[in-house]
Amino acid sequence: MSLEIMPIPDLPSQIIEAAENKNLAIFVGAGLSRFMGCSSWGALADNLLNKCETRGLLNNYEKTVLSQSNDFKKTITICHHLLEEEDFLEEMRKSLNDDKVGDENIDIYKNLFSLNGLIITTNADRHIDQVYLSDNIVIENFTSSTPVDNDHLYKIHGSITDLNSLIFTVEGYLKRYTDSEYGKFLEEIFTKYTVLFLGYGMSEFGLMDYLFTSIRGTRKRHYFLKDYFTHEQRIYEFDQMYFDDLGVDLIPYAKDELGFNQLPIIIDQWVQEIKSKTLVLSTNYDDIDDALGNPL
């Protein structure tokens, strides 16, 4: 019998156990940044193309052809070559809603932080930074000697605060994911922690090929919370066939009613469930804000 896809999926006992033992690692993807007002990679690519046309670097036909590509990394790479650095950064900051940092509701990040797990993100925005001490945010130089602990935030594709740290072009991805020291950093996470992927779409999971190519050691079983319509049981099963080879279990949830807006509801309920079954959440949100000197 096919798995019924529900709005609130069951929380795997392995994730509860990992949270209690402080060996849960959460990979935060672009989907969560969308709740902070950040644009999609597709929207960023379109905005960069428009700026290139405005600057006379592309004619309308060229812009139209490039805009038809779904390879956003390719489009962003081309625009990065064409534009002046400040023009490029201006569009990056706009897409990351950088001028609204501090004004948005970051309860979803407070929830994740309160799990006392290891948080790694491929996002470059500064919204998640607010629940960490600034000295505990790592944006570059990921090596085998990089300390891995639950007090730090690891931004493995860099941060908008430092252009040189950003990974958004083909050259950047190739350099980062063929670096043996970076591979050792990832290997420690995937061998010692149970990993949960949040806020990722299938199109972004080209990242998985990079990640698992970088990892050579024995891996635990990991998890990917993924949205589906309730009638897509077979699609879910096909997807699971692919992820089985990567050692990843899909956790499907129904998006029929709320779409991707179902995700914060799931996270909130999962956090409450972990809180009721473990001792890892003895600190409430107010205590977190006080500890960080970050009342919101």
C-alpha atoms as a PDB file:
ATOM      1  CA  MET A   1       0.000   0.000   0.000  1.00  0.00           C
ATOM      2  CA  SER A   2       1.291   3.442  -0.933  1.00  0.00           C
ATOM      3  CA  LEU A   3       2.120   5.887   1.831  1.00  0.00           C
ATOM      4  CA  GLU A   4      -0.660   8.408   2.446  1.00  0.00           C
ATOM      5  CA  ILE A   5       0.698  11.911   2.108  1.00  0.00           C
ATOM      6  CA  MET A   6      -0.505  13.993   5.057  1.00  0.00           C
ATOM      7  CA  PRO A   7      -0.284  17.742   5.839  1.00  0.00           C
ATOM      8  CA  ILE A   8       1.640  16.952   9.037  1.00  0.00           C
ATOM      9  CA  PRO A   9       3.872  13.920   8.463  1.00  0.00           C
ATOM     10  CA  ASP A  10       5.017  11.694  11.287  1.00  0.00           C
ATOM     11  CA  LEU A  11       8.282  12.766  12.842  1.00  0.00           C
ATOM     12  CA  PRO A  12      10.805   9.903  12.507  1.00  0.00           C
ATOM     13  CA  SER A  13      11.976   8.546  15.845  1.00  0.00           C
ATOM     14  CA  GLN A  14      15.562   8.778  14.578  1.00  0.00           C
ATOM     15  CA  ILE A  15      15.246  12.574  14.386  1.00  0.00           C
ATOM     16  CA  ILE A  16      13.838  12.754  17.918  1.00  0.00           C
ATOM     17  CA  GLU A  17      16.682  10.590  19.174  1.00  0.00           C
ATOM     18  CA  ALA A  18      19.273  12.676  17.302  1.00  0.00           C
ATOM     19  CA  ALA A  19      17.876  15.892  18.793  1.00  0.00           C
ATOM     20  CA  GLU A  20      18.023  14.443  22.293  1.00  0.00           C
ATOM     21  CA  ASN A  21      21.604  13.250  21.783  1.00  0.00           C
ATOM     22  CA  LYS A  22      22.673  16.590  20.240  1.00  0.00           C
ATOM     23  CA  ASN A  23      23.700  14.985  16.976  1.00  0.00           C
ATOM     24  CA  LEU A  24      20.981  16.394  14.726  1.00  0.00           C
ATOM     25  CA  ALA A  25      22.234  18.506  11.800  1.00  0.00           C
ATOM     26  CA  ILE A  26      19.738  20.638   9.892  1.00  0.00           C
ATOM     27  CA  PHE A  27      20.506  21.827   6.361  1.00  0.00           C
ATOM     28  CA  VAL A  28      18.502  25.002   5.689  1.00  0.00           C
ATOM     29  CA  GLY A  29      17.661  25.725   2.045  1.00  0.00           C
ATOM     30  CA  ALA A  30      16.316  28.641   0.045  1.00  0.00           C
ATOM     31  CA  GLY A  31      12.710  27.704   0.777  1.00  0.00           C
ATOM     32  CA  LEU A  32      13.019  28.999   4.322  1.00  0.00           C
ATOM     33  CA  SER A  33      14.535  32.269   3.100  1.00  0.00           C
ATOM     34  CA  ARG A  34      11.415  32.828   1.021  1.00  0.00           C
ATOM     35  CA  PHE A  35       9.520  33.297   4.300  1.00  0.00           C
ATOM     36  CA  MET A  36      11.936  36.156   5.023  1.00  0.00           C
ATOM     37  CA  GLY A  37      10.982  37.948   1.795  1.00  0.00           C
ATOM     38  CA  CYS A  38      13.952  36.670  -0.209  1.00  0.00           C
ATOM     39  CA  SER A  39      13.529  36.113  -3.945  1.00  0.00           C
ATOM     40  CA  SER A  40      13.929  32.782  -5.678  1.00  0.00           C
ATOM     41  CA  TRP A  41      17.046  32.075  -7.739  1.00  0.00           C
ATOM     42  CA  GLY A  42      14.844  32.350 -10.823  1.00  0.00           C
ATOM     43  CA  ALA A  43      13.705  35.850  -9.840  1.00  0.00           C
ATOM     44  CA  LEU A  44      17.293  36.885  -9.137  1.00  0.00           C
ATOM     45  CA  ALA A  45      18.375  35.595 -12.543  1.00  0.00           C
ATOM     46  CA  ASP A  46      15.586  37.593 -14.245  1.00  0.00           C
ATOM     47  CA  ASN A  47      16.477  40.758 -12.335  1.00  0.00           C
ATOM     48  CA  LEU A  48      20.132  40.402 -13.249  1.00  0.00           C
ATOM     49  CA  LEU A  49      19.217  39.940 -16.923  1.00  0.00           C
ATOM     50  CA  ASN A  50      17.055  43.074 -16.793  1.00  0.00           C
ATOM     51  CA  LYS A  51      19.931  45.026 -15.296  1.00  0.00           C
ATOM     52  CA  CYS A  52      22.274  43.755 -18.007  1.00  0.00           C
ATOM     53  CA  GLU A  53      19.812  44.961 -20.651  1.00  0.00           C
ATOM     54  CA  THR A  54      19.422  48.344 -18.916  1.00  0.00           C
ATOM     55  CA  ARG A  55      23.201  48.737 -18.856  1.00  0.00           C
ATOM     56  CA  GLY A  56      23.408  47.927 -22.580  1.00  0.00           C
ATOM     57  CA  LEU A  57      25.259  44.683 -21.961  1.00  0.00           C
ATOM     58  CA  LEU A  58      22.513  42.564 -23.563  1.00  0.00           C
ATOM     59  CA  ASN A  59      19.986  43.349 -26.269  1.00  0.00           C
ATOM     60  CA  ASN A  60      16.366  42.325 -25.859  1.00  0.00           C
ATOM     61  CA  TYR A  61      16.721  39.198 -27.973  1.00  0.00           C
ATOM     62  CA  GLU A  62      19.754  38.012 -25.998  1.00  0.00           C
ATOM     63  CA  LYS A  63      17.995  38.674 -22.708  1.00  0.00           C
ATOM     64  CA  THR A  64      14.920  36.768 -23.908  1.00  0.00           C
ATOM     65  CA  VAL A  65      16.945  33.729 -24.958  1.00  0.00           C
ATOM     66  CA  LEU A  66      18.863  33.637 -21.667  1.00  0.00           C
ATOM     67  CA  SER A  67      15.686  34.079 -19.635  1.00  0.00           C
ATOM     68  CA  GLN A  68      14.240  30.882 -21.128  1.00  0.00           C
ATOM     69  CA  SER A  69      16.866  28.773 -19.409  1.00  0.00           C
ATOM     70  CA  ASN A  70      16.006  26.986 -16.174  1.00  0.00           C
ATOM     71  CA  ASP A  71      19.702  26.724 -15.359  1.00  0.00           C
ATOM     72  CA  PHE A  72      19.760  29.693 -13.005  1.00  0.00           C
ATOM     73  CA  LYS A  73      23.346  29.058 -11.957  1.00  0.00           C
ATOM     74  CA  LYS A  74      24.369  29.441 -15.605  1.00  0.00           C
ATOM     75  CA  THR A  75      22.390  32.683 -16.013  1.00  0.00           C
ATOM     76  CA  ILE A  76      23.746  34.161 -12.770  1.00  0.00           C
ATOM     77  CA  THR A  77      27.283  33.206 -13.804  1.00  0.00           C
ATOM     78  CA  ILE A  78      26.900  35.012 -17.157  1.00  0.00           C
ATOM     79  CA  CYS A  79      25.484  38.129 -15.494  1.00  0.00           C
ATOM     80  CA  HIS A  80      28.296  38.099 -12.954  1.00  0.00           C
ATOM     81  CA  HIS A  81      30.784  38.238 -15.805  1.00  0.00           C
ATOM     82  CA  LEU A  82      28.900  41.046 -17.570  1.00  0.00           C
ATOM     83  CA  LEU A  83      28.013  43.384 -14.712  1.00  0.00           C
ATOM     84  CA  GLU A  84      30.147  45.671 -12.605  1.00  0.00           C
ATOM     85  CA  GLU A  85      30.608  44.307  -9.105  1.00  0.00           C
ATOM     86  CA  GLU A  86      28.443  46.963  -7.428  1.00  0.00           C
ATOM     87  CA  ASP A  87      25.573  46.451  -9.878  1.00  0.00           C
ATOM     88  CA  PHE A  88      25.707  42.722  -9.265  1.00  0.00           C
ATOM     89  CA  LEU A  89      25.836  43.124  -5.478  1.00  0.00           C
ATOM     90  CA  GLU A  90      22.929  45.566  -5.550  1.00  0.00           C
ATOM     91  CA  GLU A  91      20.697  42.941  -7.134  1.00  0.00           C
ATOM     92  CA  MET A  92      21.973  40.279  -4.755  1.00  0.00           C
ATOM     93  CA  ARG A  93      21.107  42.431  -1.734  1.00  0.00           C
ATOM     94  CA  LYS A  94      17.643  43.179  -3.115  1.00  0.00           C
ATOM     95  CA  SER A  95      16.959  39.509  -3.778  1.00  0.00           C
ATOM     96  CA  LEU A  96      18.009  38.643  -0.228  1.00  0.00           C
ATOM     97  CA  ASN A  97      15.746  41.371   1.253  1.00  0.00           C
ATOM     98  CA  ASP A  98      18.835  42.623   3.032  1.00  0.00           C
ATOM     99  CA  ASP A  99      17.439  46.024   4.012  1.00  0.00           C
ATOM    100  CA  LYS A 100      14.652  44.317   5.997  1.00  0.00           C
ATOM    101  CA  VAL A 101      16.893  42.266   8.291  1.00  0.00           C
ATOM    102  CA  GLY A 102      15.563  42.792  11.813  1.00  0.00           C
ATOM    103  CA  ASP A 103      12.056  43.716  10.699  1.00  0.00           C
ATOM    104  CA  GLU A 104      10.786  40.239   9.794  1.00  0.00           C
ATOM    105  CA  ASN A 105       9.305  37.419  11.854  1.00  0.00           C
ATOM    106  CA  ILE A 106      12.062  34.869  12.471  1.00  0.00           C
ATOM    107  CA  ASP A 107      10.111  32.425  14.641  1.00  0.00           C
ATOM    108  CA  ILE A 108      10.915  29.625  12.201  1.00  0.00           C
ATOM    109  CA  TYR A 109      14.637  30.147  12.857  1.00  0.00           C
ATOM    110  CA  LYS A 110      14.084  30.451  16.608  1.00  0.00           C
ATOM    111  CA  ASN A 111      12.308  27.102  16.485  1.00  0.00           C
ATOM    112  CA  LEU A 112      15.218  25.457  14.684  1.00  0.00           C
ATOM    113  CA  PHE A 113      17.793  27.112  16.943  1.00  0.00           C
ATOM    114  CA  SER A 114      15.949  25.899  20.042  1.00  0.00           C
ATOM    115  CA  LEU A 115      16.555  22.285  19.003  1.00  0.00           C
ATOM    116  CA  ASN A 116      20.206  22.789  19.929  1.00  0.00           C
ATOM    117  CA  GLY A 117      21.240  21.046  16.738  1.00  0.00           C
ATOM    118  CA  LEU A 118      23.952  21.795  14.229  1.00  0.00           C
ATOM    119  CA  ILE A 119      22.632  24.182  11.559  1.00  0.00           C
ATOM    120  CA  ILE A 120      24.193  24.417   8.096  1.00  0.00           C
ATOM    121  CA  THR A 121      22.773  26.608   5.367  1.00  0.00           C
ATOM    122  CA  THR A 122      23.378  27.107   1.671  1.00  0.00           C
ATOM    123  CA  ASN A 123      21.629  30.504   1.910  1.00  0.00           C
ATOM    124  CA  ALA A 124      23.608  33.727   1.714  1.00  0.00           C
ATOM    125  CA  ASP A 125      21.104  36.069   3.401  1.00  0.00           C
ATOM    126  CA  ARG A 126      21.523  37.500   6.898  1.00  0.00           C
ATOM    127  CA  HIS A 127      18.092  36.681   8.342  1.00  0.00           C
ATOM    128  CA  ILE A 128      19.089  33.460  10.094  1.00  0.00           C
ATOM    129  CA  ASP A 129      22.191  35.216  11.457  1.00  0.00           C
ATOM    130  CA  GLN A 130      20.049  37.004  14.045  1.00  0.00           C
ATOM    131  CA  VAL A 131      19.744  33.952  16.281  1.00  0.00           C
ATOM    132  CA  TYR A 132      23.520  33.522  16.507  1.00  0.00           C
ATOM    133  CA  LEU A 133      26.329  35.510  18.046  1.00  0.00           C
ATOM    134  CA  SER A 134      28.196  37.202  15.201  1.00  0.00           C
ATOM    135  CA  ASP A 135      31.473  35.536  16.193  1.00  0.00           C
ATOM    136  CA  ASN A 136      29.809  32.133  15.818  1.00  0.00           C
ATOM    137  CA  ILE A 137      28.900  32.480  12.132  1.00  0.00           C
ATOM    138  CA  VAL A 138      31.313  30.666   9.808  1.00  0.00           C
ATOM    139  CA  ILE A 139      31.193  31.686   6.135  1.00  0.00           C
ATOM    140  CA  GLU A 140      34.438  30.374   4.628  1.00  0.00           C
ATOM    141  CA  ASN A 141      37.592  28.287   5.125  1.00  0.00           C
ATOM    142  CA  PHE A 142      35.772  25.009   5.720  1.00  0.00           C
ATOM    143  CA  THR A 143      38.448  22.393   6.346  1.00  0.00           C
ATOM    144  CA  SER A 144      39.089  19.228   8.328  1.00  0.00           C
ATOM    145  CA  SER A 145      40.252  21.439  11.205  1.00  0.00           C
ATOM    146  CA  THR A 146      37.124  23.631  11.283  1.00  0.00           C
ATOM    147  CA  PRO A 147      35.506  23.120  14.716  1.00  0.00           C
ATOM    148  CA  VAL A 148      32.067  21.570  14.325  1.00  0.00           C
ATOM    149  CA  ASP A 149      29.712  22.318  17.222  1.00  0.00           C
ATOM    150  CA  ASN A 150      26.100  23.281  17.809  1.00  0.00           C
ATOM    151  CA  ASP A 151      26.901  26.837  18.897  1.00  0.00           C
ATOM    152  CA  HIS A 152      27.958  27.852  15.385  1.00  0.00           C
ATOM    153  CA  LEU A 153      26.100  28.549  12.149  1.00  0.00           C
ATOM    154  CA  TYR A 154      27.830  27.217   9.035  1.00  0.00           C
ATOM    155  CA  LYS A 155      27.040  29.119   5.821  1.00  0.00           C
ATOM    156  CA  ILE A 156      28.680  26.762   3.370  1.00  0.00           C
ATOM    157  CA  HIS A 157      27.943  28.906   0.293  1.00  0.00           C
ATOM    158  CA  GLY A 158      29.093  32.106   1.944  1.00  0.00           C
ATOM    159  CA  SER A 159      27.310  35.273   3.019  1.00  0.00           C
ATOM    160  CA  ILE A 160      26.231  38.522   1.414  1.00  0.00           C
ATOM    161  CA  THR A 161      28.411  40.202   4.033  1.00  0.00           C
ATOM    162  CA  ASP A 162      31.501  39.109   2.069  1.00  0.00           C
ATOM    163  CA  LEU A 163      31.397  38.871  -1.734  1.00  0.00           C
ATOM    164  CA  ASN A 164      34.523  36.725  -1.811  1.00  0.00           C
ATOM    165  CA  SER A 165      32.814  34.076   0.299  1.00  0.00           C
ATOM    166  CA  LEU A 166      29.794  33.661  -2.009  1.00  0.00           C
ATOM    167  CA  ILE A 167      29.292  30.480  -4.025  1.00  0.00           C
ATOM    168  CA  PHE A 168      26.844  31.175  -6.864  1.00  0.00           C
ATOM    169  CA  THR A 169      28.720  30.607 -10.134  1.00  0.00           C
ATOM    170  CA  VAL A 170      29.841  27.428 -11.890  1.00  0.00           C
ATOM    171  CA  GLU A 171      33.462  28.223 -11.080  1.00  0.00           C
ATOM    172  CA  GLY A 172      32.620  28.694  -7.406  1.00  0.00           C
ATOM    173  CA  TYR A 173      30.729  25.403  -7.139  1.00  0.00           C
ATOM    174  CA  LEU A 174      33.453  23.440  -8.897  1.00  0.00           C
ATOM    175  CA  LYS A 175      36.199  24.939  -6.768  1.00  0.00           C
ATOM    176  CA  ARG A 176      34.316  24.403  -3.513  1.00  0.00           C
ATOM    177  CA  TYR A 177      33.089  20.860  -4.119  1.00  0.00           C
ATOM    178  CA  THR A 178      36.319  19.485  -5.527  1.00  0.00           C
ATOM    179  CA  ASP A 179      38.298  20.763  -2.544  1.00  0.00           C
ATOM    180  CA  SER A 180      39.397  17.764  -0.473  1.00  0.00           C
ATOM    181  CA  GLU A 181      39.485  19.746   2.777  1.00  0.00           C
ATOM    182  CA  TYR A 182      35.915  20.896   2.252  1.00  0.00           C
ATOM    183  CA  GLY A 183      34.985  17.283   1.586  1.00  0.00           C
ATOM    184  CA  LYS A 184      36.466  16.288   4.941  1.00  0.00           C
ATOM    185  CA  PHE A 185      34.417  18.996   6.663  1.00  0.00           C
ATOM    186  CA  LEU A 186      31.207  17.625   5.119  1.00  0.00           C
ATOM    187  CA  GLU A 187      32.256  14.064   5.805  1.00  0.00           C
ATOM    188  CA  GLU A 188      32.454  14.747   9.537  1.00  0.00           C
ATOM    189  CA  ILE A 189      28.905  16.099   9.513  1.00  0.00           C
ATOM    190  CA  PHE A 190      27.398  13.273   7.484  1.00  0.00           C
ATOM    191  CA  THR A 191      29.132  10.530   9.445  1.00  0.00           C
ATOM    192  CA  LYS A 192      28.586  11.898  12.972  1.00  0.00           C
ATOM    193  CA  TYR A 193      25.187  13.568  12.625  1.00  0.00           C
ATOM    194  CA  THR A 194      21.713  12.606  11.483  1.00  0.00           C
ATOM    195  CA  VAL A 195      20.938  15.168   8.774  1.00  0.00           C
ATOM    196  CA  LEU A 196      17.545  16.733   8.038  1.00  0.00           C
ATOM    197  CA  PHE A 197      17.125  18.814   4.861  1.00  0.00           C
ATOM    198  CA  LEU A 198      14.550  21.634   5.103  1.00  0.00           C
ATOM    199  CA  GLY A 199      13.488  24.155   2.471  1.00  0.00           C
ATOM    200  CA  TYR A 200      14.966  22.424  -0.554  1.00  0.00           C
ATOM    201  CA  GLY A 201      13.300  21.695  -3.895  1.00  0.00           C
ATOM    202  CA  MET A 202      14.170  18.906  -6.296  1.00  0.00           C
ATOM    203  CA  SER A 203      15.752  21.408  -8.691  1.00  0.00           C
ATOM    204  CA  GLU A 204      18.165  22.478  -5.948  1.00  0.00           C
ATOM    205  CA  PHE A 205      19.163  18.942  -5.203  1.00  0.00           C
ATOM    206  CA  GLY A 206      21.893  19.016  -7.787  1.00  0.00           C
ATOM    207  CA  LEU A 207      23.587  20.076  -4.573  1.00  0.00           C
ATOM    208  CA  MET A 208      23.210  16.500  -3.381  1.00  0.00           C
ATOM    209  CA  ASP A 209      25.472  15.263  -6.139  1.00  0.00           C
ATOM    210  CA  TYR A 210      28.118  17.755  -5.020  1.00  0.00           C
ATOM    211  CA  LEU A 211      27.634  16.911  -1.352  1.00  0.00           C
ATOM    212  CA  PHE A 212      27.846  13.164  -1.669  1.00  0.00           C
ATOM    213  CA  THR A 213      30.686  13.301  -4.191  1.00  0.00           C
ATOM    214  CA  SER A 214      32.618  15.187  -1.510  1.00  0.00           C
ATOM    215  CA  ILE A 215      31.948  12.533   1.136  1.00  0.00           C
ATOM    216  CA  ARG A 216      33.956   9.346   1.125  1.00  0.00           C
ATOM    217  CA  GLY A 217      33.257   7.763   4.513  1.00  0.00           C
ATOM    218  CA  THR A 218      30.413   5.683   5.889  1.00  0.00           C
ATOM    219  CA  ARG A 219      27.176   7.645   6.125  1.00  0.00           C
ATOM    220  CA  LYS A 220      24.182   7.487   8.400  1.00  0.00           C
ATOM    221  CA  ARG A 221      20.647   7.476   7.055  1.00  0.00           C
ATOM    222  CA  HIS A 222      19.427  11.046   6.491  1.00  0.00           C
ATOM    223  CA  TYR A 223      16.104  12.789   5.842  1.00  0.00           C
ATOM    224  CA  PHE A 224      14.576  15.272   3.392  1.00  0.00           C
ATOM    225  CA  LEU A 225      11.217  16.930   4.167  1.00  0.00           C
ATOM    226  CA  LYS A 226       9.600  17.351   0.747  1.00  0.00           C
ATOM    227  CA  ASP A 227       6.263  18.767  -0.459  1.00  0.00           C
ATOM    228  CA  TYR A 228       3.814  16.821  -2.652  1.00  0.00           C
ATOM    229  CA  PHE A 229       0.149  16.899  -3.580  1.00  0.00           C
ATOM    230  CA  THR A 230      -1.856  14.126  -1.920  1.00  0.00           C
ATOM    231  CA  HIS A 231      -2.396  12.329  -5.245  1.00  0.00           C
ATOM    232  CA  GLU A 232       1.353  12.158  -5.964  1.00  0.00           C
ATOM    233  CA  GLN A 233       2.091   8.959  -4.036  1.00  0.00           C
ATOM    234  CA  ARG A 234       3.695   7.374  -7.104  1.00  0.00           C
ATOM    235  CA  ILE A 235       5.789  10.467  -7.785  1.00  0.00           C
ATOM    236  CA  TYR A 236       7.001  10.306  -4.196  1.00  0.00           C
ATOM    237  CA  GLU A 237       7.873   6.628  -4.663  1.00  0.00           C
ATOM    238  CA  PHE A 238       9.842   7.392  -7.824  1.00  0.00           C
ATOM    239  CA  ASP A 239      11.725  10.163  -6.054  1.00  0.00           C
ATOM    240  CA  GLN A 240      12.519   7.817  -3.182  1.00  0.00           C
ATOM    241  CA  MET A 241      14.104   5.379  -5.622  1.00  0.00           C
ATOM    242  CA  TYR A 242      16.642   8.081  -6.498  1.00  0.00           C
ATOM    243  CA  PHE A 243      17.263   9.164  -2.915  1.00  0.00           C
ATOM    244  CA  ASP A 244      17.695   5.562  -1.731  1.00  0.00           C
ATOM    245  CA  ASP A 245      21.000   5.535  -3.585  1.00  0.00           C
ATOM    246  CA  LEU A 246      22.063   8.605  -1.592  1.00  0.00           C
ATOM    247  CA  GLY A 247      21.071   7.164   1.771  1.00  0.00           C
ATOM    248  CA  VAL A 248      18.244   9.682   2.194  1.00  0.00           C
ATOM    249  CA  ASP A 249      14.664   8.995   3.289  1.00  0.00           C
ATOM    250  CA  LEU A 250      12.052  11.378   1.934  1.00  0.00           C
ATOM    251  CA  ILE A 251       9.437  12.637   4.393  1.00  0.00           C
ATOM    252  CA  PRO A 252       6.518  13.732   2.198  1.00  0.00           C
ATOM    253  CA  TYR A 253       3.967  16.309   3.282  1.00  0.00           C
ATOM    254  CA  ALA A 254       0.760  17.456   1.576  1.00  0.00           C
ATOM    255  CA  LYS A 255       0.767  20.940   0.068  1.00  0.00           C
ATOM    256  CA  ASP A 256      -2.790  20.864  -1.324  1.00  0.00           C
ATOM    257  CA  GLU A 257      -4.194  23.520   1.017  1.00  0.00           C
ATOM    258  CA  LEU A 258      -1.334  25.856   1.901  1.00  0.00           C
ATOM    259  CA  GLY A 259       1.400  25.037  -0.578  1.00  0.00           C
ATOM    260  CA  PHE A 260       4.881  25.701   0.754  1.00  0.00           C
ATOM    261  CA  ASN A 261       3.315  27.676   3.638  1.00  0.00           C
ATOM    262  CA  GLN A 262       2.642  24.309   5.249  1.00  0.00           C
ATOM    263  CA  LEU A 263       6.358  24.045   6.101  1.00  0.00           C
ATOM    264  CA  PRO A 264       6.471  26.423   9.123  1.00  0.00           C
ATOM    265  CA  ILE A 265       3.435  24.654  10.579  1.00  0.00           C
ATOM    266  CA  ILE A 266       5.186  21.297  10.335  1.00  0.00           C
ATOM    267  CA  ILE A 267       8.368  22.660  11.879  1.00  0.00           C
ATOM    268  CA  ASP A 268       6.443  24.206  14.766  1.00  0.00           C
ATOM    269  CA  GLN A 269       4.562  20.989  15.498  1.00  0.00           C
ATOM    270  CA  TRP A 270       7.699  18.872  15.221  1.00  0.00           C
ATOM    271  CA  VAL A 271       9.533  21.147  17.651  1.00  0.00           C
ATOM    272  CA  GLN A 272       6.649  20.860  20.104  1.00  0.00           C
ATOM    273  CA  GLU A 273       6.694  17.073  19.746  1.00  0.00           C
ATOM    274  CA  ILE A 274      10.420  16.890  20.401  1.00  0.00           C
ATOM    275  CA  LYS A 275       9.931  19.206  23.379  1.00  0.00           C
ATOM    276  CA  SER A 276       7.291  16.902  24.834  1.00  0.00           C
ATOM    277  CA  LYS A 277       9.378  13.754  24.372  1.00  0.00           C
ATOM    278  CA  THR A 278      12.887  14.944  25.280  1.00  0.00           C
ATOM    279  CA  LEU A 279      14.756  17.300  27.573  1.00  0.00           C
ATOM    280  CA  VAL A 280      16.509  19.258  24.831  1.00  0.00           C
ATOM    281  CA  LEU A 281      14.145  22.248  24.875  1.00  0.00           C
ATOM    282  CA  SER A 282      14.280  23.377  28.494  1.00  0.00           C
ATOM    283  CA  THR A 283      15.154  26.876  27.226  1.00  0.00           C
ATOM    284  CA  ASN A 284      12.225  28.906  25.910  1.00  0.00           C
ATOM    285  CA  TYR A 285      12.344  31.542  23.173  1.00  0.00           C
ATOM    286  CA  ASP A 286      12.652  34.460  25.603  1.00  0.00           C
ATOM    287  CA  ASP A 287      15.682  32.838  27.204  1.00  0.00           C
ATOM    288  CA  ILE A 288      17.235  32.407  23.761  1.00  0.00           C
ATOM    289  CA  ASP A 289      16.734  36.096  22.953  1.00  0.00           C
ATOM    290  CA  ASP A 290      18.211  37.168  26.297  1.00  0.00           C
ATOM    291  CA  ALA A 291      21.225  34.895  25.882  1.00  0.00           C
ATOM    292  CA  LEU A 292      21.930  36.294  22.459  1.00  0.00           C
ATOM    293  CA  GLY A 293      21.275  39.901  23.395  1.00  0.00           C
ATOM    294  CA  ASN A 294      18.832  39.899  20.509  1.00  0.00           C
ATOM    295  CA  PRO A 295      15.325  40.686  21.785  1.00  0.00           C
ATOM    296  CA  LEU A 296      12.930  40.767  18.871  1.00  0.00           C
END
